[in-house]
Amino acid sequence: TEGDLTPQQQAVVHAVAREVVRRQLTVPSVALLEMSRPLNYIGAQALHVFGPALSVLMTSDDHETFANFLERRDSLEILTAVIEDLEKQATLQEQKQAEGPK
C-alpha cells in the first residue's frame, strides 16, 4: 500500500502522477500500466540501465528512488491508484471552476 512507501518514494510517485494528469495522459498511462504488469520488474531494471539518459527528466536520486519503487510487486497498483485519485481531484476542481461563484 502507499503507506508502506518511504517519504522519498511517495514524493516521486506523486510527482510522476501529477505530470501524467497535468499532461492529460491518464487513460493511456493507466492502460499502459495494466498491460505492462507482467514486465514490472524488467522495467525497473531498465530504469537502472538508462539512468543517465533519464537525468533530463528527474534527478539521479529521484530516478533511483523511482526505479527501486518499481521493483515492488504492488508498485503499478499504487501508481495507478495515485494517478486516478489525482485525476478525480483535477476533474472536481475543473467542475467547480466551470460552475463559477454562486
C-alpha atoms as a PDB file:
ATOM      1  CA  THR A   1       0.000   0.000   0.000  1.00  0.00           C
ATOM      2  CA  GLU A   2       1.006   3.609  -0.349  1.00  0.00           C
ATOM      3  CA  GLY A   3       1.503   3.804   3.411  1.00  0.00           C
ATOM      4  CA  ASP A   4       4.401   1.357   3.101  1.00  0.00           C
ATOM      5  CA  LEU A   5       6.365   3.738   0.887  1.00  0.00           C
ATOM      6  CA  THR A   6       9.233   5.845   2.119  1.00  0.00           C
ATOM      7  CA  PRO A   7       8.628   9.608   2.079  1.00  0.00           C
ATOM      8  CA  GLN A   8      11.011   9.870  -0.891  1.00  0.00           C
ATOM      9  CA  GLN A   9       9.090   7.206  -2.814  1.00  0.00           C
ATOM     10  CA  GLN A  10       5.771   8.909  -2.042  1.00  0.00           C
ATOM     11  CA  ALA A  11       7.132  12.231  -3.301  1.00  0.00           C
ATOM     12  CA  VAL A  12       8.460  10.746  -6.547  1.00  0.00           C
ATOM     13  CA  VAL A  13       5.322   8.689  -7.214  1.00  0.00           C
ATOM     14  CA  HIS A  14       3.121  11.749  -6.674  1.00  0.00           C
ATOM     15  CA  ALA A  15       5.385  13.867  -8.901  1.00  0.00           C
ATOM     16  CA  VAL A  16       5.142  11.318 -11.726  1.00  0.00           C
ATOM     17  CA  ALA A  17       1.367  11.014 -11.263  1.00  0.00           C
ATOM     18  CA  ARG A  18       0.933  14.822 -11.259  1.00  0.00           C
ATOM     19  CA  GLU A  19       2.801  15.062 -14.566  1.00  0.00           C
ATOM     20  CA  VAL A  20       0.641  12.330 -16.087  1.00  0.00           C
ATOM     21  CA  VAL A  21      -2.553  14.139 -15.030  1.00  0.00           C
ATOM     22  CA  ARG A  22      -1.219  17.582 -15.984  1.00  0.00           C
ATOM     23  CA  ARG A  23      -0.441  16.332 -19.485  1.00  0.00           C
ATOM     24  CA  GLN A  24      -3.887  14.679 -19.690  1.00  0.00           C
ATOM     25  CA  LEU A  25      -2.375  11.225 -20.200  1.00  0.00           C
ATOM     26  CA  THR A  26      -4.367   9.428 -17.511  1.00  0.00           C
ATOM     27  CA  VAL A  27      -6.217   6.955 -19.739  1.00  0.00           C
ATOM     28  CA  PRO A  28      -3.240   5.874 -21.872  1.00  0.00           C
ATOM     29  CA  SER A  29      -0.981   5.740 -18.814  1.00  0.00           C
ATOM     30  CA  VAL A  30      -3.353   3.552 -16.818  1.00  0.00           C
ATOM     31  CA  ALA A  31      -3.829   1.280 -19.842  1.00  0.00           C
ATOM     32  CA  LEU A  32      -0.061   1.017 -20.321  1.00  0.00           C
ATOM     33  CA  LEU A  33       0.474   0.259 -16.636  1.00  0.00           C
ATOM     34  CA  GLU A  34      -2.134  -2.505 -16.756  1.00  0.00           C
ATOM     35  CA  MET A  35      -0.629  -4.050 -19.897  1.00  0.00           C
ATOM     36  CA  SER A  36       2.931  -3.892 -18.586  1.00  0.00           C
ATOM     37  CA  ARG A  37       2.148  -5.548 -15.262  1.00  0.00           C
ATOM     38  CA  PRO A  38       3.991  -8.812 -16.189  1.00  0.00           C
ATOM     39  CA  LEU A  39       7.089  -6.798 -17.132  1.00  0.00           C
ATOM     40  CA  ASN A  40       7.138  -4.721 -13.953  1.00  0.00           C
ATOM     41  CA  TYR A  41      10.498  -5.916 -12.620  1.00  0.00           C
ATOM     42  CA  ILE A  42      12.162  -5.835 -16.032  1.00  0.00           C
ATOM     43  CA  GLY A  43      11.007  -2.243 -16.469  1.00  0.00           C
ATOM     44  CA  ALA A  44      12.526  -1.304 -13.136  1.00  0.00           C
ATOM     45  CA  GLN A  45      15.826  -2.848 -14.188  1.00  0.00           C
ATOM     46  CA  ALA A  46      15.691  -0.931 -17.471  1.00  0.00           C
ATOM     47  CA  LEU A  47      15.363   2.297 -15.498  1.00  0.00           C
ATOM     48  CA  HIS A  48      18.593   1.451 -13.712  1.00  0.00           C
ATOM     49  CA  VAL A  49      20.325   0.869 -17.062  1.00  0.00           C
ATOM     50  CA  PHE A  50      19.015   4.029 -18.744  1.00  0.00           C
ATOM     51  CA  GLY A  51      19.559   6.221 -15.697  1.00  0.00           C
ATOM     52  CA  PRO A  52      21.950   8.695 -17.307  1.00  0.00           C
ATOM     53  CA  ALA A  53      19.528   9.400 -20.158  1.00  0.00           C
ATOM     54  CA  LEU A  54      16.688   9.987 -17.713  1.00  0.00           C
ATOM     55  CA  SER A  55      18.611  12.697 -15.894  1.00  0.00           C
ATOM     56  CA  VAL A  56      16.860  15.152 -18.215  1.00  0.00           C
ATOM     57  CA  LEU A  57      13.506  14.261 -16.639  1.00  0.00           C
ATOM     58  CA  MET A  58      14.412  13.803 -12.973  1.00  0.00           C
ATOM     59  CA  THR A  59      17.337  13.996 -10.590  1.00  0.00           C
ATOM     60  CA  SER A  60      19.516  10.932 -10.170  1.00  0.00           C
ATOM     61  CA  ASP A  61      18.206  10.461  -6.616  1.00  0.00           C
ATOM     62  CA  ASP A  62      14.591  10.618  -7.820  1.00  0.00           C
ATOM     63  CA  HIS A  63      15.408   8.255 -10.664  1.00  0.00           C
ATOM     64  CA  GLU A  64      16.964   5.734  -8.275  1.00  0.00           C
ATOM     65  CA  THR A  65      14.042   6.078  -5.860  1.00  0.00           C
ATOM     66  CA  PHE A  66      11.500   5.536  -8.650  1.00  0.00           C
ATOM     67  CA  ALA A  67      13.392   2.536 -10.048  1.00  0.00           C
ATOM     68  CA  ASN A  68      13.538   0.964  -6.585  1.00  0.00           C
ATOM     69  CA  PHE A  69       9.827   1.672  -6.120  1.00  0.00           C
ATOM     70  CA  LEU A  70       9.017  -0.106  -9.386  1.00  0.00           C
ATOM     71  CA  GLU A  71      10.739  -3.246  -8.125  1.00  0.00           C
ATOM     72  CA  ARG A  72       7.876  -3.705  -5.657  1.00  0.00           C
ATOM     73  CA  ARG A  73       5.159  -6.134  -6.716  1.00  0.00           C
ATOM     74  CA  ASP A  74       2.424  -3.643  -5.845  1.00  0.00           C
ATOM     75  CA  SER A  75       4.064  -0.609  -7.449  1.00  0.00           C
ATOM     76  CA  LEU A  76       1.851  -0.496 -10.525  1.00  0.00           C
ATOM     77  CA  GLU A  77      -1.304  -0.731  -8.427  1.00  0.00           C
ATOM     78  CA  ILE A  78      -0.062   2.092  -6.212  1.00  0.00           C
ATOM     79  CA  LEU A  79       0.939   4.288  -9.152  1.00  0.00           C
ATOM     80  CA  THR A  80      -2.371   3.642 -10.913  1.00  0.00           C
ATOM     81  CA  ALA A  81      -4.334   4.495  -7.763  1.00  0.00           C
ATOM     82  CA  VAL A  82      -2.418   7.754  -7.266  1.00  0.00           C
ATOM     83  CA  ILE A  83      -2.926   8.759 -10.913  1.00  0.00           C
ATOM     84  CA  GLU A  84      -6.650   8.001 -10.735  1.00  0.00           C
ATOM     85  CA  ASP A  85      -7.007   9.888  -7.441  1.00  0.00           C
ATOM     86  CA  LEU A  86      -5.255  12.973  -8.806  1.00  0.00           C
ATOM     87  CA  GLU A  87      -7.375  12.781 -11.966  1.00  0.00           C
ATOM     88  CA  LYS A  88     -10.563  12.766  -9.858  1.00  0.00           C
ATOM     89  CA  GLN A  89      -9.313  15.766  -7.887  1.00  0.00           C
ATOM     90  CA  ALA A  90      -8.486  17.631 -11.105  1.00  0.00           C
ATOM     91  CA  THR A  91     -11.908  16.828 -12.571  1.00  0.00           C
ATOM     92  CA  LEU A  92     -13.688  18.071  -9.443  1.00  0.00           C
ATOM     93  CA  GLN A  93     -11.642  21.265  -9.487  1.00  0.00           C
ATOM     94  CA  GLU A  94     -12.477  21.843 -13.165  1.00  0.00           C
ATOM     95  CA  GLN A  95     -16.178  21.312 -12.443  1.00  0.00           C
ATOM     96  CA  LYS A  96     -16.087  23.819  -9.585  1.00  0.00           C
ATOM     97  CA  GLN A  97     -14.367  26.372 -11.805  1.00  0.00           C
ATOM     98  CA  ALA A  98     -16.903  25.786 -14.584  1.00  0.00           C
ATOM     99  CA  GLU A  99     -19.802  26.362 -12.181  1.00  0.00           C
ATOM    100  CA  GLY A 100     -18.311  29.659 -11.128  1.00  0.00           C
ATOM    101  CA  PRO A 101     -19.196  31.582  -7.974  1.00  0.00           C
ATOM    102  CA  LYS A 102     -22.655  31.029  -6.550  1.00  0.00           C
END
